N, C-alpha and C. Protein backbone atom coordinates (compact mmCIF):
# COMPACT_ATOMS: atom_id res chain seq x y z
N MET A 1 -81.79 229.50 -55.01
CA MET A 1 -83.05 229.50 -54.29
C MET A 1 -83.68 228.11 -54.45
N THR A 2 -83.90 227.41 -53.35
CA THR A 2 -84.39 226.05 -53.42
C THR A 2 -85.92 225.96 -53.38
N ASP A 3 -86.59 226.95 -52.85
CA ASP A 3 -88.05 226.94 -52.76
C ASP A 3 -88.64 227.47 -54.06
N PRO A 4 -89.31 226.62 -54.83
CA PRO A 4 -89.85 227.07 -56.12
C PRO A 4 -90.96 228.11 -56.00
N ASN A 5 -91.57 228.21 -54.83
CA ASN A 5 -92.65 229.19 -54.64
C ASN A 5 -92.15 230.52 -54.08
N ALA A 6 -90.88 230.62 -53.77
CA ALA A 6 -90.35 231.82 -53.13
C ALA A 6 -90.51 233.05 -54.02
N THR A 7 -90.26 232.91 -55.32
CA THR A 7 -90.40 234.06 -56.21
C THR A 7 -91.87 234.47 -56.31
N GLN A 8 -92.77 233.50 -56.36
CA GLN A 8 -94.19 233.83 -56.40
C GLN A 8 -94.60 234.58 -55.14
N ARG A 9 -94.12 234.13 -53.98
CA ARG A 9 -94.44 234.83 -52.73
C ARG A 9 -93.88 236.25 -52.75
N ALA A 10 -92.68 236.41 -53.27
CA ALA A 10 -92.07 237.75 -53.32
C ALA A 10 -92.84 238.66 -54.27
N VAL A 11 -93.26 238.14 -55.40
CA VAL A 11 -94.05 238.93 -56.35
C VAL A 11 -95.37 239.33 -55.71
N LEU A 12 -96.05 238.39 -55.09
CA LEU A 12 -97.33 238.69 -54.45
C LEU A 12 -97.14 239.70 -53.32
N GLY A 13 -96.07 239.56 -52.56
CA GLY A 13 -95.77 240.52 -51.50
C GLY A 13 -95.57 241.92 -52.04
N ALA A 14 -94.85 242.04 -53.14
CA ALA A 14 -94.63 243.36 -53.77
C ALA A 14 -95.95 243.95 -54.24
N LEU A 15 -96.82 243.11 -54.78
CA LEU A 15 -98.12 243.60 -55.25
C LEU A 15 -98.98 244.05 -54.07
N PHE A 16 -98.94 243.31 -52.96
CA PHE A 16 -99.69 243.72 -51.77
C PHE A 16 -99.15 245.03 -51.20
N ARG A 17 -97.83 245.20 -51.19
CA ARG A 17 -97.26 246.45 -50.67
C ARG A 17 -97.68 247.64 -51.53
N ALA A 18 -97.85 247.44 -52.81
CA ALA A 18 -98.22 248.53 -53.72
C ALA A 18 -99.73 248.79 -53.70
N HIS A 19 -100.51 247.81 -53.28
CA HIS A 19 -101.97 247.90 -53.33
C HIS A 19 -102.47 249.15 -52.62
N PRO A 20 -103.39 249.90 -53.19
CA PRO A 20 -104.21 249.60 -54.36
C PRO A 20 -103.60 250.04 -55.70
N ARG A 21 -102.41 250.57 -55.65
CA ARG A 21 -101.75 250.99 -56.89
C ARG A 21 -101.32 249.77 -57.69
N MET A 22 -101.39 249.88 -59.00
CA MET A 22 -100.87 248.82 -59.87
C MET A 22 -99.45 249.19 -60.28
N LEU A 23 -98.65 248.18 -60.53
CA LEU A 23 -97.26 248.37 -60.92
C LEU A 23 -97.08 248.02 -62.40
N GLY A 24 -96.15 248.69 -63.04
CA GLY A 24 -95.74 248.27 -64.37
C GLY A 24 -94.96 246.97 -64.25
N ILE A 25 -95.10 246.10 -65.24
CA ILE A 25 -94.40 244.82 -65.20
C ILE A 25 -92.89 245.04 -65.11
N ASP A 26 -92.37 246.00 -65.89
CA ASP A 26 -90.94 246.29 -65.83
C ASP A 26 -90.54 246.82 -64.46
N GLU A 27 -91.38 247.66 -63.86
CA GLU A 27 -91.11 248.20 -62.53
C GLU A 27 -91.02 247.06 -61.50
N LEU A 28 -91.96 246.13 -61.59
CA LEU A 28 -91.97 244.98 -60.69
C LEU A 28 -90.71 244.13 -60.90
N ALA A 29 -90.38 243.86 -62.14
CA ALA A 29 -89.20 243.06 -62.44
C ALA A 29 -87.93 243.74 -61.93
N ASP A 30 -87.86 245.06 -62.08
CA ASP A 30 -86.69 245.81 -61.57
C ASP A 30 -86.61 245.73 -60.05
N GLU A 31 -87.78 245.87 -59.39
CA GLU A 31 -87.81 245.83 -57.92
C GLU A 31 -87.33 244.49 -57.39
N LEU A 32 -87.63 243.42 -58.13
CA LEU A 32 -87.28 242.07 -57.69
C LEU A 32 -86.17 241.46 -58.54
N SER A 33 -85.29 242.30 -59.03
CA SER A 33 -84.26 241.85 -59.98
C SER A 33 -83.33 240.78 -59.42
N GLY A 34 -83.23 240.66 -58.12
CA GLY A 34 -82.36 239.65 -57.53
C GLY A 34 -82.97 238.26 -57.49
N LEU A 35 -84.23 238.14 -57.90
CA LEU A 35 -84.91 236.85 -57.86
C LEU A 35 -85.01 236.25 -59.26
N PRO A 36 -85.01 234.93 -59.35
CA PRO A 36 -85.12 234.28 -60.65
C PRO A 36 -86.57 234.25 -61.14
N ARG A 37 -86.75 234.38 -62.44
CA ARG A 37 -88.03 234.13 -63.13
C ARG A 37 -89.21 234.92 -62.58
N VAL A 38 -89.01 236.20 -62.38
CA VAL A 38 -90.08 237.06 -61.84
C VAL A 38 -91.27 237.10 -62.79
N ARG A 39 -91.02 237.26 -64.07
CA ARG A 39 -92.12 237.34 -65.04
C ARG A 39 -92.89 236.02 -65.12
N GLU A 40 -92.20 234.93 -65.02
CA GLU A 40 -92.87 233.62 -65.01
C GLU A 40 -93.72 233.47 -63.75
N ALA A 41 -93.19 233.87 -62.62
CA ALA A 41 -93.95 233.80 -61.37
C ALA A 41 -95.20 234.67 -61.45
N LEU A 42 -95.06 235.85 -62.04
CA LEU A 42 -96.21 236.73 -62.21
C LEU A 42 -97.27 236.08 -63.09
N ARG A 43 -96.84 235.46 -64.18
CA ARG A 43 -97.79 234.80 -65.08
C ARG A 43 -98.57 233.71 -64.34
N VAL A 44 -97.89 232.94 -63.50
CA VAL A 44 -98.57 231.89 -62.73
C VAL A 44 -99.59 232.51 -61.77
N LEU A 45 -99.21 233.60 -61.10
CA LEU A 45 -100.14 234.26 -60.18
C LEU A 45 -101.36 234.81 -60.90
N VAL A 46 -101.16 235.36 -62.09
CA VAL A 46 -102.29 235.85 -62.89
C VAL A 46 -103.17 234.67 -63.29
N ASP A 47 -102.56 233.60 -63.78
CA ASP A 47 -103.33 232.42 -64.19
C ASP A 47 -104.10 231.81 -63.02
N ASP A 48 -103.53 231.89 -61.82
CA ASP A 48 -104.19 231.33 -60.63
C ASP A 48 -105.22 232.27 -60.00
N GLY A 49 -105.32 233.51 -60.52
CA GLY A 49 -106.31 234.45 -60.01
C GLY A 49 -105.85 235.26 -58.80
N LEU A 50 -104.57 235.19 -58.47
CA LEU A 50 -104.07 235.95 -57.32
C LEU A 50 -103.56 237.33 -57.71
N ALA A 51 -103.31 237.52 -58.99
CA ALA A 51 -102.88 238.82 -59.51
C ALA A 51 -103.73 239.14 -60.73
N THR A 52 -103.83 240.43 -61.02
CA THR A 52 -104.59 240.92 -62.16
C THR A 52 -103.65 241.67 -63.08
N GLN A 53 -103.79 241.45 -64.38
CA GLN A 53 -102.97 242.15 -65.36
C GLN A 53 -103.87 242.91 -66.31
N LEU A 54 -103.59 244.20 -66.47
CA LEU A 54 -104.29 245.06 -67.41
C LEU A 54 -103.23 245.67 -68.32
N GLY A 55 -103.02 245.06 -69.45
CA GLY A 55 -101.97 245.52 -70.34
C GLY A 55 -100.62 245.31 -69.69
N GLU A 56 -99.89 246.41 -69.48
CA GLU A 56 -98.56 246.34 -68.87
C GLU A 56 -98.59 246.63 -67.37
N LEU A 57 -99.79 246.73 -66.80
CA LEU A 57 -99.93 246.98 -65.36
C LEU A 57 -100.40 245.72 -64.65
N VAL A 58 -99.88 245.51 -63.44
CA VAL A 58 -100.27 244.34 -62.65
C VAL A 58 -100.56 244.78 -61.22
N GLY A 59 -101.45 244.04 -60.60
CA GLY A 59 -101.79 244.32 -59.21
C GLY A 59 -102.34 243.07 -58.56
N VAL A 60 -102.51 243.14 -57.27
CA VAL A 60 -103.08 242.02 -56.53
C VAL A 60 -104.57 241.94 -56.87
N SER A 61 -105.10 240.73 -56.97
CA SER A 61 -106.51 240.57 -57.33
C SER A 61 -107.41 240.83 -56.13
N ARG A 62 -108.67 241.09 -56.42
CA ARG A 62 -109.65 241.29 -55.34
C ARG A 62 -109.76 240.03 -54.49
N ALA A 63 -109.70 238.87 -55.15
CA ALA A 63 -109.80 237.61 -54.42
C ALA A 63 -108.65 237.44 -53.44
N ALA A 64 -107.45 237.82 -53.84
CA ALA A 64 -106.29 237.71 -52.95
C ALA A 64 -106.41 238.68 -51.78
N VAL A 65 -106.89 239.88 -52.04
CA VAL A 65 -107.09 240.86 -50.97
C VAL A 65 -108.13 240.35 -49.98
N ARG A 66 -109.20 239.80 -50.50
CA ARG A 66 -110.26 239.27 -49.62
C ARG A 66 -109.77 238.09 -48.79
N PHE A 67 -109.00 237.19 -49.43
CA PHE A 67 -108.46 236.04 -48.72
C PHE A 67 -107.53 236.50 -47.60
N GLN A 68 -106.68 237.48 -47.88
CA GLN A 68 -105.78 237.99 -46.86
C GLN A 68 -106.57 238.59 -45.70
N ALA A 69 -107.64 239.32 -46.01
CA ALA A 69 -108.46 239.91 -44.95
C ALA A 69 -109.10 238.83 -44.08
N LEU A 70 -109.59 237.78 -44.71
CA LEU A 70 -110.20 236.68 -43.95
C LEU A 70 -109.17 235.91 -43.15
N SER A 71 -107.97 235.77 -43.69
CA SER A 71 -106.92 235.00 -43.04
C SER A 71 -106.38 235.70 -41.80
N THR A 72 -106.38 237.02 -41.82
CA THR A 72 -105.80 237.76 -40.70
C THR A 72 -106.84 238.25 -39.71
N ALA A 73 -108.12 238.02 -40.00
CA ALA A 73 -109.18 238.46 -39.07
C ALA A 73 -109.17 237.57 -37.83
N SER A 74 -109.45 238.18 -36.69
CA SER A 74 -109.48 237.36 -35.47
C SER A 74 -110.87 236.99 -35.06
């Protein structure tokens, strides 16, 4: 995989598909097992405020949901 952001996009996509449900970190890693460094990508998304982590559960952040709503509004 040559695009360093591809795993982050895939992780964020999985979190959006699950929204509003939160996923277990292991569940997310299993779902995206074909991609490199899923846990690292998740950590970056949490640090950047695009994902939220509560213990072993992760989900898309409110800010990311709001940004997506504004981006797709006509």
